[in-house]
Protein backbone atom coordinates (compact mmCIF):
# COMPACT_ATOMS: atom_id res chain seq x y z
CA MET A 1 -46.75 -28.50 45.05
CA THR A 2 -46.98 -26.28 42.02
CA TRP A 3 -45.45 -23.33 43.89
CA ARG A 4 -42.50 -25.46 45.06
CA ASP A 5 -41.88 -26.77 41.54
CA THR A 6 -41.89 -23.25 40.18
CA MET A 7 -39.40 -22.01 42.79
CA THR A 8 -37.17 -25.02 42.18
CA ARG A 9 -37.10 -24.33 38.46
CA ARG A 10 -36.27 -20.66 39.04
CA GLU A 11 -33.44 -21.54 41.41
CA THR A 12 -32.09 -24.03 38.88
CA ARG A 13 -32.18 -21.46 36.06
CA THR A 14 -30.55 -18.84 38.28
CA ALA A 15 -27.75 -21.22 39.26
CA ALA A 16 -27.23 -22.23 35.63
CA ALA A 17 -27.07 -18.60 34.52
CA ARG A 18 -24.58 -17.80 37.31
CA ALA A 19 -22.42 -20.74 36.31
CA ALA A 20 -22.50 -19.67 32.66
CA ARG A 21 -21.40 -16.14 33.60
CA ASP A 22 -18.59 -17.47 35.76
CA HIS A 23 -17.42 -19.75 32.95
CA ALA A 24 -17.50 -16.98 30.38
CA GLY A 25 -15.42 -14.65 32.54
CA PRO A 26 -15.98 -10.95 33.10
CA PRO A 27 -17.84 -9.13 30.32
CA ALA A 28 -15.83 -6.97 27.98
CA ARG A 29 -15.86 -3.27 28.68
CA GLY A 30 -18.24 -1.55 26.32
CA TRP A 31 -15.76 1.05 25.08
CA ARG A 32 -13.03 -1.37 24.05
CA PRO A 33 -14.78 -3.07 21.08
CA VAL A 34 -16.06 0.31 19.88
CA LEU A 35 -12.57 1.79 20.05
CA LEU A 36 -11.11 -1.18 18.18
CA ARG A 37 -13.79 -0.95 15.49
CA VAL A 38 -13.25 2.75 14.92
CA ALA A 39 -9.46 2.42 14.95
CA GLY A 40 -9.48 -0.61 12.65
CA ALA A 41 -11.83 1.03 10.16
CA GLY A 42 -9.81 4.24 10.28
CA LEU A 43 -6.59 2.39 9.50
CA LEU A 44 -8.23 0.59 6.57
CA ILE A 45 -9.46 3.94 5.26
CA ALA A 46 -5.95 5.36 5.65
CA THR A 47 -4.32 2.56 3.65
CA GLY A 48 -7.07 2.85 1.03
CA ALA A 49 -6.46 6.59 0.74
CA ILE A 50 -2.69 6.10 0.33
CA HIS A 51 -3.20 3.51 -2.40
CA LEU A 52 -5.77 5.73 -4.12
CA ASP A 53 -3.26 8.58 -4.18
CA LEU A 54 -0.55 6.29 -5.57
CA TYR A 55 -2.97 4.93 -8.16
CA LEU A 56 -3.91 8.42 -9.35
CA THR A 57 -0.31 9.67 -9.36
CA GLY A 58 1.14 7.13 -11.71
CA TYR A 59 0.41 3.50 -10.84
CA ARG A 60 -2.70 3.49 -13.00
CA SER A 61 -0.45 3.56 -16.06
CA ILE A 62 1.35 0.33 -15.10
CA PRO A 63 -0.33 -2.84 -16.45
CA ALA A 64 -1.54 -5.32 -13.78
CA ILE A 65 -0.10 -3.18 -10.98
CA GLY A 66 -2.59 -0.40 -11.66
CA TRP A 67 -5.57 -2.77 -11.48
CA LEU A 68 -4.22 -4.32 -8.28
CA PHE A 69 -3.96 -0.89 -6.68
CA LEU A 70 -7.53 -0.07 -7.72
CA LEU A 71 -8.79 -3.35 -6.25
CA GLN A 72 -6.90 -2.63 -3.03
CA VAL A 73 -8.57 0.76 -2.77
CA ILE A 74 -12.06 -0.71 -3.28
CA ALA A 75 -11.41 -3.56 -0.83
CA ALA A 76 -9.98 -1.24 1.84
CA PHE A 77 -12.96 1.11 1.81
CA GLY A 78 -15.46 -1.75 1.57
CA LEU A 79 -13.97 -3.61 4.53
CA ALA A 80 -13.74 -0.41 6.57
CA LEU A 81 -17.46 0.16 5.98
CA ALA A 82 -18.24 -3.44 6.97
CA VAL A 83 -16.22 -3.18 10.19
CA LEU A 84 -18.05 0.02 11.13
CA ALA A 85 -21.53 -0.89 9.96
CA ILE A 86 -21.93 -4.44 11.29
CA PRO A 87 -23.03 -4.15 14.93
CA SER A 88 -21.16 -6.03 17.62
CA ARG A 89 -24.30 -7.90 18.65
CA LEU A 90 -24.03 -9.80 15.34
CA ALA A 91 -21.00 -11.55 16.72
CA VAL A 92 -20.30 -13.93 13.83
CA ALA A 93 -20.61 -11.30 11.09
CA SER A 94 -18.69 -8.73 13.11
CA ARG A 95 -15.80 -11.15 13.73
CA LEU A 96 -15.70 -12.21 10.09
CA ALA A 97 -15.53 -8.58 8.93
CA ALA A 98 -12.69 -7.85 11.34
CA ALA A 99 -10.85 -11.03 10.35
CA ALA A 100 -11.25 -10.18 6.65
CA GLY A 101 -9.85 -6.70 7.30
CA ALA A 102 -6.87 -8.14 9.20
CA GLY A 103 -6.19 -10.63 6.39
CA PHE A 104 -6.45 -7.89 3.78
CA ALA A 105 -3.95 -5.68 5.61
CA LEU A 106 -1.48 -8.55 5.92
CA ALA A 107 -1.90 -9.57 2.27
CA THR A 108 -1.41 -6.00 1.06
CA LEU A 109 1.76 -5.69 3.11
CA GLY A 110 2.96 -9.01 1.68
CA GLY A 111 2.41 -7.71 -1.85
CA TYR A 112 4.46 -4.61 -1.07
CA LEU A 113 7.31 -6.68 0.37
CA LEU A 114 7.35 -8.96 -2.66
CA SER A 115 7.37 -6.01 -5.05
CA VAL A 116 10.38 -4.59 -3.21
CA TRP A 117 12.33 -7.85 -2.99
CA ILE A 118 11.66 -9.65 -6.26
CA GLY A 119 9.17 -7.51 -8.20
CA LEU A 120 5.62 -8.25 -9.33
CA PHE A 121 4.49 -8.49 -12.95
CA GLY A 122 7.80 -7.03 -14.09
CA PHE A 123 7.57 -4.03 -11.73
CA THR A 124 9.99 -3.50 -8.83
CA GLU A 125 8.95 -1.08 -6.09
CA VAL A 126 11.30 1.59 -4.74
CA ARG A 127 11.53 3.12 -1.30
CA THR A 128 9.23 6.09 -0.92
CA THR A 129 7.63 7.85 2.02
CA ALA A 130 4.16 6.79 0.83
CA GLY A 131 5.20 3.12 0.61
CA ILE A 132 6.73 3.14 4.09
CA ALA A 133 3.67 4.88 5.55
CA ALA A 134 1.32 2.41 3.87
CA GLY A 135 3.32 -0.54 5.22
CA ALA A 136 3.28 0.81 8.78
CA VAL A 137 -0.46 1.50 8.59
CA GLU A 138 -1.08 -2.05 7.34
CA VAL A 139 0.84 -3.57 10.26
CA ALA A 140 -1.18 -1.45 12.69
CA ALA A 141 -4.44 -2.35 10.92
CA PHE A 142 -3.65 -6.06 11.19
CA ALA A 143 -2.88 -5.78 14.91
CA VAL A 144 -6.03 -3.79 15.73
CA LEU A 145 -8.39 -5.89 13.61
CA ALA A 146 -6.91 -9.13 14.93
CA ALA A 147 -7.59 -7.86 18.46
CA LEU A 148 -11.15 -6.99 17.44
CA THR A 149 -11.62 -10.47 15.97
CA LEU A 150 -10.57 -12.06 19.27
CA ALA A 151 -12.42 -9.63 21.55
CA PRO A 152 -15.05 -11.25 23.83
CA ALA A 153 -18.59 -11.07 22.50
CA PRO A 154 -20.62 -8.32 24.20
CA ALA A 155 -23.23 -9.21 26.76
CA GLY A 156 -26.69 -9.56 25.28
CA GLY A 157 -25.35 -10.58 21.86
CA THR A 158 -27.03 -13.08 19.62
CA ALA A 159 -24.45 -15.79 20.28
CA LYS A 160 -25.97 -18.08 22.93
CA ALA A 161 -24.19 -21.32 22.14
CA PRO A 162 -20.48 -21.36 23.06
CA ALA A 163 -19.91 -23.99 20.37
CA ARG A 164 -20.91 -21.58 17.59
CA PHE A 165 -17.43 -20.46 16.63
CA PRO A 166 -16.49 -17.73 15.90
CA ALA A 167 -19.33 -16.16 17.91
CA GLN A 168 -17.69 -17.37 21.12
CA ILE A 169 -14.03 -18.18 21.60
CA SER A 170 -12.73 -19.89 24.69
CA PRO A 171 -10.34 -17.87 26.88
CA ALA A 172 -7.50 -20.34 26.31
CA LEU A 173 -7.89 -20.18 22.53
CA THR A 174 -8.18 -16.39 22.70
CA ARG A 175 -4.89 -16.12 24.58
CA ALA A 176 -3.11 -18.45 22.15
CA ALA A 177 -4.52 -16.68 19.08
CA GLY A 178 -3.71 -13.28 20.57
CA ALA A 179 -0.09 -14.28 21.16
CA THR A 180 0.13 -15.62 17.61
CA ALA A 181 -1.35 -12.43 16.14
CA ALA A 182 1.07 -10.31 18.17
CA GLY A 183 3.95 -12.44 16.91
CA VAL A 184 2.78 -12.11 13.31
CA ALA A 185 2.49 -8.32 13.68
CA LEU A 186 6.01 -8.14 15.12
CA VAL A 187 7.44 -10.28 12.32
CA ALA A 188 5.60 -8.16 9.74
CA LEU A 189 7.07 -5.00 11.25
CA VAL A 190 10.57 -6.48 11.18
CA LEU A 191 10.16 -7.60 7.57
CA LEU A 192 8.92 -4.13 6.62
CA GLY A 193 12.02 -2.61 8.21
CA LEU A 194 14.28 -5.05 6.38
CA ALA A 195 12.53 -4.39 3.07
CA VAL A 196 12.84 -0.64 3.51
CA ALA A 197 16.51 -0.95 4.43
CA GLY A 198 17.14 -3.36 1.58
CA ALA A 199 15.40 -1.15 -0.93
CA GLY A 200 17.81 1.63 -0.03
CA SER A 201 17.39 5.00 -1.59
CA PRO A 202 15.42 5.51 -4.77
CA PRO A 203 17.10 3.82 -7.72
CA PRO A 204 20.22 5.56 -8.92
CA ALA A 205 19.71 8.08 -11.66
CA ALA A 206 19.93 6.63 -15.12
CA THR A 207 23.33 7.33 -16.58
CA ALA A 208 23.97 8.13 -20.20
CA THR A 209 26.49 9.63 -22.54
CA GLY A 210 25.91 11.65 -25.64
CA THR A 211 26.64 8.62 -27.82
CA GLY A 212 24.24 6.60 -25.64
CA LEU A 213 21.29 8.79 -26.54
CA LYS A 214 19.40 7.65 -29.58
CA THR A 215 16.02 7.81 -31.21
CA THR A 216 13.30 5.21 -31.33
CA THR A 217 9.85 5.09 -32.87
CA ILE A 218 6.80 4.57 -30.64
CA GLY A 219 3.35 4.64 -32.18
CA GLY A 220 4.67 6.33 -35.29
CA THR A 221 6.40 9.09 -33.30
CA THR A 222 10.17 9.47 -33.16
CA VAL A 223 11.25 10.00 -29.54
CA LEU A 224 14.49 10.28 -27.64
CA ALA A 225 15.68 7.18 -25.79
CA ASN A 226 18.65 6.10 -23.72
CA ALA A 227 21.17 3.47 -24.77
CA LYS A 228 18.83 0.67 -23.62
CA GLY A 229 15.92 2.00 -25.65
CA PHE A 230 13.91 3.43 -22.75
CA THR A 231 11.94 6.57 -23.52
CA LEU A 232 13.21 9.87 -22.13
CA TYR A 233 10.85 12.51 -20.75
CA SER A 234 10.69 16.20 -19.95
CA PHE A 235 8.91 17.76 -16.96
CA ALA A 236 6.87 20.90 -17.66
CA PRO A 237 7.79 22.83 -14.46
CA ASP A 238 11.53 22.47 -15.21
CA THR A 239 13.57 25.33 -16.59
CA PRO A 240 16.61 25.04 -18.87
CA ALA A 241 18.78 25.70 -15.81
CA ALA A 242 17.04 23.74 -13.04
CA SER A 243 15.15 20.52 -12.31
CA LYS A 244 12.02 20.67 -10.18
CA CYS A 245 11.87 16.90 -9.60
CA TYR A 246 13.34 15.71 -6.29
CA GLY A 247 12.44 13.29 -3.51
CA SER A 248 9.64 10.88 -4.36
CA CYS A 249 9.33 12.48 -7.79
CA ALA A 250 12.91 11.45 -8.62
CA ALA A 251 12.18 7.95 -7.33
CA TYR A 252 9.55 7.42 -10.02
CA TRP A 253 11.20 9.62 -12.63
CA PRO A 254 14.96 8.95 -12.32
CA PRO A 255 16.97 11.84 -13.79
CA VAL A 256 19.44 10.98 -16.54
CA THR A 257 22.92 11.97 -15.40
CA GLY A 258 26.23 12.30 -17.16
CA THR A 259 28.29 14.77 -19.17
CA ALA A 260 28.38 14.49 -22.93
CA ALA A 261 27.72 16.10 -26.26
CA ALA A 262 25.17 15.00 -28.85
CA GLY A 263 26.09 11.78 -30.62
CA PRO A 264 26.47 11.37 -34.37
CA GLY A 265 23.18 11.63 -36.22
CA LEU A 266 21.24 12.98 -33.23
CA PRO A 267 19.71 16.38 -33.98
CA GLY A 268 19.42 18.95 -31.25
CA THR A 269 21.68 20.03 -28.44
CA VAL A 270 22.71 17.94 -25.45
CA GLY A 271 23.80 19.85 -22.35
CA THR A 272 23.87 19.50 -18.56
CA ILE A 273 22.57 21.20 -15.45
CA GLN A 274 23.75 20.69 -11.88
CA ARG A 275 21.24 18.97 -9.60
CA THR A 276 21.03 20.27 -6.02
CA GLY A 277 23.34 18.11 -3.95
CA GLY A 278 23.75 15.66 -6.80
CA PRO A 279 25.42 14.95 -10.12
CA ALA A 280 25.03 16.74 -13.42
CA GLN A 281 21.81 15.97 -15.27
CA LEU A 282 21.62 15.74 -19.03
CA THR A 283 19.38 18.07 -20.99
CA TYR A 284 18.16 17.96 -24.56
CA ASN A 285 17.30 21.25 -26.25
CA GLY A 286 17.05 22.81 -22.79
CA HIS A 287 14.88 20.08 -21.26
CA PRO A 288 16.29 18.08 -18.31
CA LEU A 289 15.93 14.37 -19.10
CA TYR A 290 14.22 11.59 -17.10
CA THR A 291 13.21 7.97 -17.47
CA TYR A 292 9.99 6.58 -15.96
CA ILE A 293 9.87 3.65 -13.56
CA GLY A 294 6.58 2.52 -15.11
CA ASP A 295 8.34 1.74 -18.40
CA THR A 296 9.47 -1.81 -17.77
CA ALA A 297 10.76 -2.54 -21.28
CA PRO A 298 12.21 -0.60 -24.23
CA GLY A 299 9.71 0.92 -26.62
CA GLN A 300 7.18 1.91 -23.94
CA ALA A 301 6.01 5.45 -23.17
CA ARG A 302 3.58 4.98 -20.27
CA GLY A 303 4.67 8.24 -18.68
CA ASN A 304 3.66 10.39 -21.64
CA ASN A 305 1.08 13.08 -20.80
CA LEU A 306 0.82 12.08 -17.13
CA ASN A 307 0.09 14.98 -14.77
CA LEU A 308 2.11 14.09 -11.68
CA TYR A 309 4.14 15.86 -9.00
CA GLY A 310 2.96 19.28 -10.04
CA GLY A 311 3.14 19.18 -13.80
CA LEU A 312 2.86 17.32 -17.09
CA TRP A 313 5.37 14.80 -18.36
CA HIS A 314 6.04 14.47 -22.06
CA GLU A 315 8.12 12.13 -24.14
CA ILE A 316 10.96 13.97 -25.90
CA ARG A 317 10.01 14.11 -29.55
CA VAL A 318 12.82 14.36 -32.08
CA SER A 319 12.40 16.17 -35.37
CA ARG A 320 14.84 15.49 -38.15
């Protein structure tokens, strides 16, 4: 009697286990979750590296924006480490890390789009190669990490109760969530394209005339400013006959263009040089002139003494 009861129990457990396997569907291939984890973490590291470079090459000088970039860098590297370090057998923690990474990528992209369209904290982003690359990486990171979040739990994991969401997700819900995530990624990619197209080229060079140049006092120092009161800068690698600031450099340091002579009461000599493939750029005492995108209001000199794009930037000091 005991032997028959034991065999009956074993057959019952075997049938129950078979039914559970059939209900759960085929197990996920072992390489797929690993590949998604590595790819997702790598994309988070890439976006963190891009934001770190932008932070070090100028954004750190912009109030609020600089701190946001630093927080993005820390979050990107931290989430990448979590995605890589948390083993797949800890299904709940692994899914939460992947979901957090996907949400971070989407939120970071949203911040970039807002800064292009309407500006954030008084700062309006311009189209640059780094910004476009970061946006594309963030879309890819969202797609990969969303797929990792929805991937079937590996066999032998700690999740034994199908009701313990998000350790186990039903196939129907997985398909619906996967389609939604794919749609969100597609929309994000389209919005990125529209933002890039809408942003156009880097902002047009600041225009000025000799009478538009004036002096202003910042921190007890008399500096050269344009007609709106924005500080004008020189770039150390420049020569009296040529500017060395093009491409992304000119996006963040718009050259001052125009043709004019020095205005009344302005000491020094105003001249021009010809930019390659562009208009004439104003010079002051042999220094080509620039404004700085980080100066969001007159009377600021956030670009002074920054070492960016291959050289130092200095406010133009005026001696009377």
